[in-house]
PDB file of all heavy atoms in Angstrom:
ATOM      1  N   PHE A   1     175.503  97.265 106.305  1.00  0.00           N
ATOM      2  CA  PHE A   1     174.792  97.327 107.623  1.00  0.00           C
ATOM      3  C   PHE A   1     173.443  96.520 107.557  1.00  0.00           C
ATOM      4  O   PHE A   1     172.764  96.612 108.637  1.00  0.00           O
ATOM      5  CB  PHE A   1     174.597  98.732 108.069  1.00  0.00           C
ATOM      6  CG  PHE A   1     175.938  99.568 108.209  1.00  0.00           C
ATOM      7  CD1 PHE A   1     176.155 100.473 107.241  1.00  0.00           C
ATOM      8  CD2 PHE A   1     176.623  99.447 109.188  1.00  0.00           C
ATOM      9  CE1 PHE A   1     177.374 101.144 107.293  1.00  0.00           C
ATOM     10  CE2 PHE A   1     177.877 100.062 109.369  1.00  0.00           C
ATOM     11  CZ  PHE A   1     178.203 100.957 108.421  1.00  0.00           C
ATOM     12  N   GLY A   2     173.160  95.960 106.535  1.00  0.00           N
ATOM     13  CA  GLY A   2     171.838  95.260 106.484  1.00  0.00           C
ATOM     14  C   GLY A   2     171.842  93.906 107.349  1.00  0.00           C
ATOM     15  O   GLY A   2     172.932  93.337 107.572  1.00  0.00           O
ATOM     16  N   SER A   3     170.690  93.482 107.570  1.00  0.00           N
ATOM     17  CA  SER A   3     170.525  92.186 108.270  1.00  0.00           C
ATOM     18  C   SER A   3     169.289  91.506 107.982  1.00  0.00           C
ATOM     19  O   SER A   3     168.233  92.093 107.471  1.00  0.00           O
ATOM     20  CB  SER A   3     170.584  92.476 109.846  1.00  0.00           C
ATOM     21  OG  SER A   3     169.364  93.236 110.180  1.00  0.00           O
ATOM     22  N   PHE A   4     169.225  90.227 108.086  1.00  0.00           N
ATOM     23  CA  PHE A   4     168.059  89.392 107.777  1.00  0.00           C
ATOM     24  C   PHE A   4     166.888  89.740 108.660  1.00  0.00           C
ATOM     25  O   PHE A   4     167.126  89.879 109.866  1.00  0.00           O
ATOM     26  CB  PHE A   4     168.428  87.911 107.699  1.00  0.00           C
ATOM     27  CG  PHE A   4     169.191  87.382 106.571  1.00  0.00           C
ATOM     28  CD1 PHE A   4     170.448  86.873 106.790  1.00  0.00           C
ATOM     29  CD2 PHE A   4     168.714  87.515 105.306  1.00  0.00           C
ATOM     30  CE1 PHE A   4     171.248  86.488 105.748  1.00  0.00           C
ATOM     31  CE2 PHE A   4     169.429  87.034 104.221  1.00  0.00           C
ATOM     32  CZ  PHE A   4     170.710  86.512 104.455  1.00  0.00           C
ATOM     33  N   ASP A   5     165.746  89.675 108.133  1.00  0.00           N
ATOM     34  CA  ASP A   5     164.430  89.758 108.911  1.00  0.00           C
ATOM     35  C   ASP A   5     163.992  88.406 109.214  1.00  0.00           C
ATOM     36  O   ASP A   5     163.631  87.569 108.399  1.00  0.00           O
ATOM     37  CB  ASP A   5     163.411  90.535 108.008  1.00  0.00           C
ATOM     38  CG  ASP A   5     162.064  90.671 108.752  1.00  0.00           C
ATOM     39  OD1 ASP A   5     161.850  89.931 109.752  1.00  0.00           O
ATOM     40  OD2 ASP A   5     161.172  91.476 108.260  1.00  0.00           O
ATOM     41  N   GLN A   6     164.106  88.068 110.505  1.00  0.00           N
ATOM     42  CA  GLN A   6     163.856  86.689 111.000  1.00  0.00           C
ATOM     43  C   GLN A   6     162.346  86.308 110.597  1.00  0.00           C
ATOM     44  O   GLN A   6     162.115  85.127 110.164  1.00  0.00           O
ATOM     45  CB  GLN A   6     163.902  86.576 112.484  1.00  0.00           C
ATOM     46  CG  GLN A   6     165.381  86.460 113.017  1.00  0.00           C
ATOM     47  CD  GLN A   6     165.374  86.117 114.452  1.00  0.00           C
ATOM     48  OE1 GLN A   6     164.392  86.100 115.120  1.00  0.00           O
ATOM     49  NE2 GLN A   6     166.707  85.743 114.839  1.00  0.00           N
ATOM     50  N   GLY A   7     161.388  87.137 110.695  1.00  0.00           N
ATOM     51  CA  GLY A   7     159.985  86.826 110.323  1.00  0.00           C
ATOM     52  C   GLY A   7     159.930  86.454 108.927  1.00  0.00           C
ATOM     53  O   GLY A   7     159.290  85.514 108.457  1.00  0.00           O
ATOM     54  N   GLN A   8     160.673  87.266 108.043  1.00  0.00           N
ATOM     55  CA  GLN A   8     160.655  86.986 106.596  1.00  0.00           C
ATOM     56  C   GLN A   8     161.263  85.677 106.299  1.00  0.00           C
ATOM     57  O   GLN A   8     160.802  84.879 105.393  1.00  0.00           O
ATOM     58  CB  GLN A   8     161.424  88.050 105.753  1.00  0.00           C
ATOM     59  CG  GLN A   8     161.264  87.908 104.249  1.00  0.00           C
ATOM     60  CD  GLN A   8     161.826  89.152 103.529  1.00  0.00           C
ATOM     61  OE1 GLN A   8     162.919  89.522 103.801  1.00  0.00           O
ATOM     62  NE2 GLN A   8     160.997  89.531 102.579  1.00  0.00           N
ATOM     63  N   LEU A   9     162.459  85.368 106.948  1.00  0.00           N
ATOM     64  CA  LEU A   9     163.030  84.088 106.830  1.00  0.00           C
ATOM     65  C   LEU A   9     162.136  82.889 107.153  1.00  0.00           C
ATOM     66  O   LEU A   9     162.127  81.914 106.476  1.00  0.00           O
ATOM     67  CB  LEU A   9     164.363  84.005 107.555  1.00  0.00           C
ATOM     68  CG  LEU A   9     165.467  84.971 107.029  1.00  0.00           C
ATOM     69  CD1 LEU A   9     166.738  84.659 107.910  1.00  0.00           C
ATOM     70  CD2 LEU A   9     165.730  84.884 105.582  1.00  0.00           C
ATOM     71  N   GLN A  10     161.376  83.067 108.306  1.00  0.00           N
ATOM     72  CA  GLN A  10     160.503  82.030 108.619  1.00  0.00           C
ATOM     73  C   GLN A  10     159.345  81.772 107.630  1.00  0.00           C
ATOM     74  O   GLN A  10     158.973  80.651 107.374  1.00  0.00           O
ATOM     75  CB  GLN A  10     159.980  82.301 110.105  1.00  0.00           C
ATOM     76  CG  GLN A  10     161.005  82.204 111.134  1.00  0.00           C
ATOM     77  CD  GLN A  10     160.514  82.380 112.440  1.00  0.00           C
ATOM     78  OE1 GLN A  10     159.276  82.461 112.746  1.00  0.00           O
ATOM     79  NE2 GLN A  10     161.310  82.503 113.610  1.00  0.00           N
ATOM     80  N   ARG A  11     158.890  82.905 107.064  1.00  0.00           N
ATOM     81  CA  ARG A  11     157.872  82.813 106.208  1.00  0.00           C
ATOM     82  C   ARG A  11     158.484  82.285 104.844  1.00  0.00           C
ATOM     83  O   ARG A  11     157.743  81.469 104.202  1.00  0.00           O
ATOM     84  CB  ARG A  11     157.243  84.198 105.801  1.00  0.00           C
ATOM     85  CG  ARG A  11     156.502  84.784 106.950  1.00  0.00           C
ATOM     86  CD  ARG A  11     155.704  86.022 106.502  1.00  0.00           C
ATOM     87  NE  ARG A  11     156.484  87.050 105.852  1.00  0.00           N
ATOM     88  CZ  ARG A  11     157.158  88.063 106.436  1.00  0.00           C
ATOM     89  NH1 ARG A  11     156.972  88.131 107.788  1.00  0.00           N
ATOM     90  NH2 ARG A  11     157.782  88.961 105.819  1.00  0.00           N
ATOM     91  N   GLY A  12     159.591  82.595 104.426  1.00  0.00           N
ATOM     92  CA  GLY A  12     160.199  82.063 103.250  1.00  0.00           C
ATOM     93  C   GLY A  12     160.443  80.445 103.350  1.00  0.00           C
ATOM     94  O   GLY A  12     160.258  79.799 102.463  1.00  0.00           O
ATOM     95  N   PHE A  13     160.902  80.139 104.580  1.00  0.00           N
ATOM     96  CA  PHE A  13     160.975  78.712 104.838  1.00  0.00           C
ATOM     97  C   PHE A  13     159.710  77.937 104.764  1.00  0.00           C
ATOM     98  O   PHE A  13     159.565  76.750 104.255  1.00  0.00           O
ATOM     99  CB  PHE A  13     161.661  78.480 106.175  1.00  0.00           C
ATOM    100  CG  PHE A  13     161.694  77.030 106.561  1.00  0.00           C
ATOM    101  CD1 PHE A  13     162.569  76.078 105.847  1.00  0.00           C
ATOM    102  CD2 PHE A  13     161.056  76.474 107.657  1.00  0.00           C
ATOM    103  CE1 PHE A  13     162.527  74.718 106.209  1.00  0.00           C
ATOM    104  CE2 PHE A  13     161.019  75.129 107.959  1.00  0.00           C
ATOM    105  CZ  PHE A  13     161.851  74.226 107.242  1.00  0.00           C
ATOM    106  N   GLN A  14     158.699  78.618 105.214  1.00  0.00           N
ATOM    107  CA  GLN A  14     157.305  78.049 105.097  1.00  0.00           C
ATOM    108  C   GLN A  14     156.863  77.807 103.743  1.00  0.00           C
ATOM    109  O   GLN A  14     156.380  76.789 103.295  1.00  0.00           O
ATOM    110  CB  GLN A  14     156.301  78.833 105.863  1.00  0.00           C
ATOM    111  CG  GLN A  14     154.972  78.282 105.810  1.00  0.00           C
ATOM    112  CD  GLN A  14     153.880  79.169 106.548  1.00  0.00           C
ATOM    113  OE1 GLN A  14     154.195  80.127 107.149  1.00  0.00           O
ATOM    114  NE2 GLN A  14     152.618  78.806 106.553  1.00  0.00           N
ATOM    115  N   VAL A  15     157.175  78.842 102.820  1.00  0.00           N
ATOM    116  CA  VAL A  15     156.811  78.677 101.355  1.00  0.00           C
ATOM    117  C   VAL A  15     157.694  77.593 100.836  1.00  0.00           C
ATOM    118  O   VAL A  15     157.277  76.710  99.974  1.00  0.00           O
ATOM    119  CB  VAL A  15     157.096  80.072 100.608  1.00  0.00           C
ATOM    120  CG1 VAL A  15     156.923  79.877  99.156  1.00  0.00           C
ATOM    121  CG2 VAL A  15     156.140  81.098 101.179  1.00  0.00           C
ATOM    122  N   TYR A  16     158.960  77.533 101.113  1.00  0.00           N
ATOM    123  CA  TYR A  16     159.817  76.400 100.535  1.00  0.00           C
ATOM    124  C   TYR A  16     159.278  75.067 100.989  1.00  0.00           C
ATOM    125  O   TYR A  16     159.168  74.177 100.217  1.00  0.00           O
ATOM    126  CB  TYR A  16     161.222  76.586 101.035  1.00  0.00           C
ATOM    127  CG  TYR A  16     162.040  75.408 100.814  1.00  0.00           C
ATOM    128  CD1 TYR A  16     162.566  75.119  99.448  1.00  0.00           C
ATOM    129  CD2 TYR A  16     162.470  74.506 101.778  1.00  0.00           C
ATOM    130  CE1 TYR A  16     163.314  73.893  99.208  1.00  0.00           C
ATOM    131  CE2 TYR A  16     163.133  73.273 101.554  1.00  0.00           C
ATOM    132  CZ  TYR A  16     163.494  73.109 100.263  1.00  0.00           C
ATOM    133  OH  TYR A  16     164.221  71.948 100.010  1.00  0.00           O
ATOM    134  N   LYS A  17     159.004  74.908 102.314  1.00  0.00           N
ATOM    135  CA  LYS A  17     158.605  73.664 102.827  1.00  0.00           C
ATOM    136  C   LYS A  17     157.225  73.157 102.225  1.00  0.00           C
ATOM    137  O   LYS A  17     157.071  72.026 101.854  1.00  0.00           O
ATOM    138  CB  LYS A  17     158.528  73.709 104.305  1.00  0.00           C
ATOM    139  CG  LYS A  17     158.098  72.380 105.008  1.00  0.00           C
ATOM    140  CD  LYS A  17     158.301  72.595 106.518  1.00  0.00           C
ATOM    141  CE  LYS A  17     158.011  71.241 107.318  1.00  0.00           C
ATOM    142  NZ  LYS A  17     156.607  70.767 107.158  1.00  0.00           N
ATOM    143  N   GLU A  18     156.334  74.099 102.026  1.00  0.00           N
ATOM    144  CA  GLU A  18     154.959  73.742 101.540  1.00  0.00           C
ATOM    145  C   GLU A  18     154.751  73.607 100.102  1.00  0.00           C
ATOM    146  O   GLU A  18     153.973  73.117  99.538  1.00  0.00           O
ATOM    147  CB  GLU A  18     153.910  74.744 102.189  1.00  0.00           C
ATOM    148  CG  GLU A  18     153.790  74.708 103.717  1.00  0.00           C
ATOM    149  CD  GLU A  18     152.651  75.568 104.224  1.00  0.00           C
ATOM    150  OE1 GLU A  18     151.875  75.963 103.399  1.00  0.00           O
ATOM    151  OE2 GLU A  18     152.666  75.857 105.418  1.00  0.00           O
ATOM    152  N   VAL A  19     155.723  74.330  99.389  1.00  0.00           N
ATOM    153  CA  VAL A  19     155.565  74.447  97.875  1.00  0.00           C
ATOM    154  C   VAL A  19     156.813  73.980  97.160  1.00  0.00           C
ATOM    155  O   VAL A  19     156.713  73.016  96.388  1.00  0.00           O
ATOM    156  CB  VAL A  19     155.312  75.950  97.431  1.00  0.00           C
ATOM    157  CG1 VAL A  19     155.086  76.011  95.959  1.00  0.00           C
ATOM    158  CG2 VAL A  19     153.960  76.472  98.194  1.00  0.00           C
ATOM    159  N   CYS A  20     157.940  74.640  97.407  1.00  0.00           N
ATOM    160  CA  CYS A  20     159.167  74.326  96.611  1.00  0.00           C
ATOM    161  C   CYS A  20     159.747  73.019  96.967  1.00  0.00           C
ATOM    162  O   CYS A  20     160.345  72.399  95.992  1.00  0.00           O
ATOM    163  CB  CYS A  20     160.058  75.393  96.799  1.00  0.00           C
ATOM    164  SG  CYS A  20     159.496  77.127  96.806  1.00  0.00           S
ATOM    165  N   SER A  21     159.711  72.510  98.124  1.00  0.00           N
ATOM    166  CA  SER A  21     160.467  71.310  98.494  1.00  0.00           C
ATOM    167  C   SER A  21     159.900  70.073  97.801  1.00  0.00           C
ATOM    168  O   SER A  21     160.493  69.026  97.849  1.00  0.00           O
ATOM    169  CB  SER A  21     160.411  71.143 100.078  1.00  0.00           C
ATOM    170  OG  SER A  21     159.062  70.928 100.464  1.00  0.00           O
ATOM    171  N   ALA A  22     158.691  70.161  97.184  1.00  0.00           N
ATOM    172  CA  ALA A  22     158.186  69.085  96.412  1.00  0.00           C
ATOM    173  C   ALA A  22     159.081  68.668  95.214  1.00  0.00           C
ATOM    174  O   ALA A  22     159.049  67.561  94.811  1.00  0.00           O
ATOM    175  CB  ALA A  22     156.735  69.300  95.973  1.00  0.00           C
ATOM    176  N   CYS A  23     159.806  69.680  94.668  1.00  0.00           N
ATOM    177  CA  CYS A  23     160.557  69.463  93.499  1.00  0.00           C
ATOM    178  C   CYS A  23     162.116  69.800  93.772  1.00  0.00           C
ATOM    179  O   CYS A  23     162.958  69.233  93.110  1.00  0.00           O
ATOM    180  CB  CYS A  23     160.054  70.241  92.288  1.00  0.00           C
ATOM    181  SG  CYS A  23     158.427  69.799  91.847  1.00  0.00           S
ATOM    182  N   HIS A  24     162.355  70.742  94.538  1.00  0.00           N
ATOM    183  CA  HIS A  24     163.722  71.273  94.700  1.00  0.00           C
ATOM    184  C   HIS A  24     164.343  70.869  96.080  1.00  0.00           C
ATOM    185  O   HIS A  24     163.670  70.954  97.132  1.00  0.00           O
ATOM    186  CB  HIS A  24     163.743  72.874  94.766  1.00  0.00           C
ATOM    187  CG  HIS A  24     163.307  73.493  93.452  1.00  0.00           C
ATOM    188  ND1 HIS A  24     164.176  73.699  92.420  1.00  0.00           N
ATOM    189  CD2 HIS A  24     162.042  73.730  92.966  1.00  0.00           C
ATOM    190  CE1 HIS A  24     163.464  74.131  91.385  1.00  0.00           C
ATOM    191  NE2 HIS A  24     162.212  74.232  91.645  1.00  0.00           N
ATOM    192  N   SER A  25     165.606  70.423  95.900  1.00  0.00           N
ATOM    193  CA  SER A  25     166.321  69.902  97.050  1.00  0.00           C
ATOM    194  C   SER A  25     167.062  71.188  97.671  1.00  0.00           C
ATOM    195  O   SER A  25     167.150  72.233  97.140  1.00  0.00           O
ATOM    196  CB  SER A  25     167.317  68.852  96.716  1.00  0.00           C
ATOM    197  OG  SER A  25     168.288  69.397  95.681  1.00  0.00           O
ATOM    198  N   MET A  26     167.597  70.955  98.859  1.00  0.00           N
ATOM    199  CA  MET A  26     168.483  71.974  99.531  1.00  0.00           C
ATOM    200  C   MET A  26     169.563  71.227 100.269  1.00  0.00           C
ATOM    201  O   MET A  26     169.694  71.181 101.448  1.00  0.00           O
ATOM    202  CB  MET A  26     167.644  72.799 100.474  1.00  0.00           C
ATOM    203  CG  MET A  26     168.182  74.081 100.812  1.00  0.00           C
ATOM    204  SD  MET A  26     167.038  75.327 101.500  1.00  0.00           S
ATOM    205  CE  MET A  26     166.383  74.397 102.910  1.00  0.00           C
ATOM    206  N   LYS A  27     170.413  70.483  99.465  1.00  0.00           N
ATOM    207  CA  LYS A  27     171.268  69.469 100.029  1.00  0.00           C
ATOM    208  C   LYS A  27     172.410  70.041 100.839  1.00  0.00           C
ATOM    209  O   LYS A  27     173.006  69.354 101.709  1.00  0.00           O
ATOM    210  CB  LYS A  27     171.954  68.685  98.830  1.00  0.00           C
ATOM    211  CG  LYS A  27     170.998  68.045  97.898  1.00  0.00           C
ATOM    212  CD  LYS A  27     171.625  67.353  96.791  1.00  0.00           C
ATOM    213  CE  LYS A  27     170.679  66.635  95.884  1.00  0.00           C
ATOM    214  NZ  LYS A  27     171.321  66.097  94.656  1.00  0.00           N
ATOM    215  N   LEU A  28     172.702  71.313 100.787  1.00  0.00           N
ATOM    216  CA  LEU A  28     173.900  71.910 101.578  1.00  0.00           C
ATOM    217  C   LEU A  28     173.467  72.469 102.819  1.00  0.00           C
ATOM    218  O   LEU A  28     174.385  73.059 103.578  1.00  0.00           O
ATOM    219  CB  LEU A  28     174.674  72.924 100.591  1.00  0.00           C
ATOM    220  CG  LEU A  28     175.205  72.355  99.411  1.00  0.00           C
ATOM    221  CD1 LEU A  28     175.949  73.474  98.529  1.00  0.00           C
ATOM    222  CD2 LEU A  28     176.151  71.181  99.617  1.00  0.00           C
ATOM    223  N   VAL A  29     172.190  72.629 103.146  1.00  0.00           N
ATOM    224  CA  VAL A  29     171.711  73.202 104.320  1.00  0.00           C
ATOM    225  C   VAL A  29     171.259  72.124 105.320  1.00  0.00           C
ATOM    226  O   VAL A  29     170.582  71.299 105.038  1.00  0.00           O
ATOM    227  CB  VAL A  29     170.526  74.135 103.961  1.00  0.00           C
ATOM    228  CG1 VAL A  29     170.046  74.817 105.353  1.00  0.00           C
ATOM    229  CG2 VAL A  29     170.944  75.218 103.049  1.00  0.00           C
ATOM    230  N   ALA A  30     171.755  72.175 106.591  1.00  0.00           N
ATOM    231  CA  ALA A  30     171.405  71.320 107.675  1.00  0.00           C
ATOM    232  C   ALA A  30     170.214  71.891 108.515  1.00  0.00           C
ATOM    233  O   ALA A  30     170.105  73.103 108.584  1.00  0.00           O
ATOM    234  CB  ALA A  30     172.614  71.067 108.483  1.00  0.00           C
ATOM    235  N   PHE A  31     169.548  71.036 109.117  1.00  0.00           N
ATOM    236  CA  PHE A  31     168.437  71.449 110.027  1.00  0.00           C
ATOM    237  C   PHE A  31     168.889  72.492 111.087  1.00  0.00           C
ATOM    238  O   PHE A  31     168.349  73.378 111.409  1.00  0.00           O
ATOM    239  CB  PHE A  31     167.732  70.255 110.596  1.00  0.00           C
ATOM    240  CG  PHE A  31     166.961  69.387 109.655  1.00  0.00           C
ATOM    241  CD1 PHE A  31     167.368  68.135 109.332  1.00  0.00           C
ATOM    242  CD2 PHE A  31     165.843  69.857 109.066  1.00  0.00           C
ATOM    243  CE1 PHE A  31     166.676  67.421 108.408  1.00  0.00           C
ATOM    244  CE2 PHE A  31     165.070  69.058 108.146  1.00  0.00           C
ATOM    245  CZ  PHE A  31     165.604  67.740 107.827  1.00  0.00           C
ATOM    246  N   ARG A  32     170.097  72.149 111.598  1.00  0.00           N
ATOM    247  CA  ARG A  32     170.568  72.956 112.706  1.00  0.00           C
ATOM    248  C   ARG A  32     170.927  74.327 112.401  1.00  0.00           C
ATOM    249  O   ARG A  32     170.991  75.340 113.180  1.00  0.00           O
ATOM    250  CB  ARG A  32     171.816  72.322 113.265  1.00  0.00           C
ATOM    251  CG  ARG A  32     173.071  72.202 112.287  1.00  0.00           C
ATOM    252  CD  ARG A  32     174.161  71.483 112.930  1.00  0.00           C
ATOM    253  NE  ARG A  32     175.278  71.248 111.891  1.00  0.00           N
ATOM    254  CZ  ARG A  32     176.295  70.528 112.104  1.00  0.00           C
ATOM    255  NH1 ARG A  32     176.483  69.723 113.190  1.00  0.00           N
ATOM    256  NH2 ARG A  32     177.281  70.427 111.270  1.00  0.00           N
ATOM    257  N   ASN A  33     171.084  74.542 110.978  1.00  0.00           N
ATOM    258  CA  ASN A  33     171.453  75.908 110.531  1.00  0.00           C
ATOM    259  C   ASN A  33     170.256  76.850 110.744  1.00  0.00           C
ATOM    260  O   ASN A  33     170.363  78.045 110.990  1.00  0.00           O
ATOM    261  CB  ASN A  33     171.707  75.862 109.104  1.00  0.00           C
ATOM    262  CG  ASN A  33     172.954  75.222 108.722  1.00  0.00           C
ATOM    263  OD1 ASN A  33     173.026  74.534 107.704  1.00  0.00           O
ATOM    264  ND2 ASN A  33     174.052  75.431 109.441  1.00  0.00           N
ATOM    265  N   LEU A  34     168.962  76.248 110.927  1.00  0.00           N
ATOM    266  CA  LEU A  34     167.900  77.076 111.141  1.00  0.00           C
ATOM    267  C   LEU A  34     167.798  77.740 112.578  1.00  0.00           C
ATOM    268  O   LEU A  34     167.175  78.725 112.738  1.00  0.00           O
ATOM    269  CB  LEU A  34     166.571  76.286 110.971  1.00  0.00           C
ATOM    270  CG  LEU A  34     166.281  75.701 109.668  1.00  0.00           C
ATOM    271  CD1 LEU A  34     165.077  74.700 109.662  1.00  0.00           C
ATOM    272  CD2 LEU A  34     166.021  76.757 108.541  1.00  0.00           C
ATOM    273  N   ALA A  35     168.625  77.174 113.392  1.00  0.00           N
ATOM    274  CA  ALA A  35     168.720  77.700 114.777  1.00  0.00           C
ATOM    275  C   ALA A  35     169.911  78.531 115.093  1.00  0.00           C
ATOM    276  O   ALA A  35     170.095  79.017 116.233  1.00  0.00           O
ATOM    277  CB  ALA A  35     168.661  76.674 115.880  1.00  0.00           C
ATOM    278  N   GLU A  36     170.787  78.771 114.036  1.00  0.00           N
ATOM    279  CA  GLU A  36     171.982  79.411 114.316  1.00  0.00           C
ATOM    280  C   GLU A  36     171.846  80.968 114.176  1.00  0.00           C
ATOM    281  O   GLU A  36     170.805  81.439 113.609  1.00  0.00           O
ATOM    282  CB  GLU A  36     173.093  79.075 113.207  1.00  0.00           C
ATOM    283  CG  GLU A  36     173.511  77.580 113.317  1.00  0.00           C
ATOM    284  CD  GLU A  36     174.468  77.228 112.135  1.00  0.00           C
ATOM    285  OE1 GLU A  36     174.567  77.998 111.277  1.00  0.00           O
ATOM    286  OE2 GLU A  36     175.103  76.135 112.346  1.00  0.00           O
ATOM    287  N   PRO A  37     172.678  81.726 114.966  1.00  0.00           N
ATOM    288  CA  PRO A  37     172.456  83.107 114.976  1.00  0.00           C
ATOM    289  C   PRO A  37     172.584  83.722 113.512  1.00  0.00           C
ATOM    290  O   PRO A  37     173.259  83.252 112.689  1.00  0.00           O
ATOM    291  CB  PRO A  37     173.733  83.681 115.810  1.00  0.00           C
ATOM    292  CG  PRO A  37     174.149  82.513 116.634  1.00  0.00           C
ATOM    293  CD  PRO A  37     173.726  81.230 115.721  1.00  0.00           C
TER     294      PRO A  37
END
């Protein structure tokens, strides 16, 4: 019955974008996935 916390996912994406994306790719995820339910 668990579900993702949208606020946490947005913060996690911010950490990925500002820190992790300098070295790590995310080739299987599309931008549009960020707006999906």
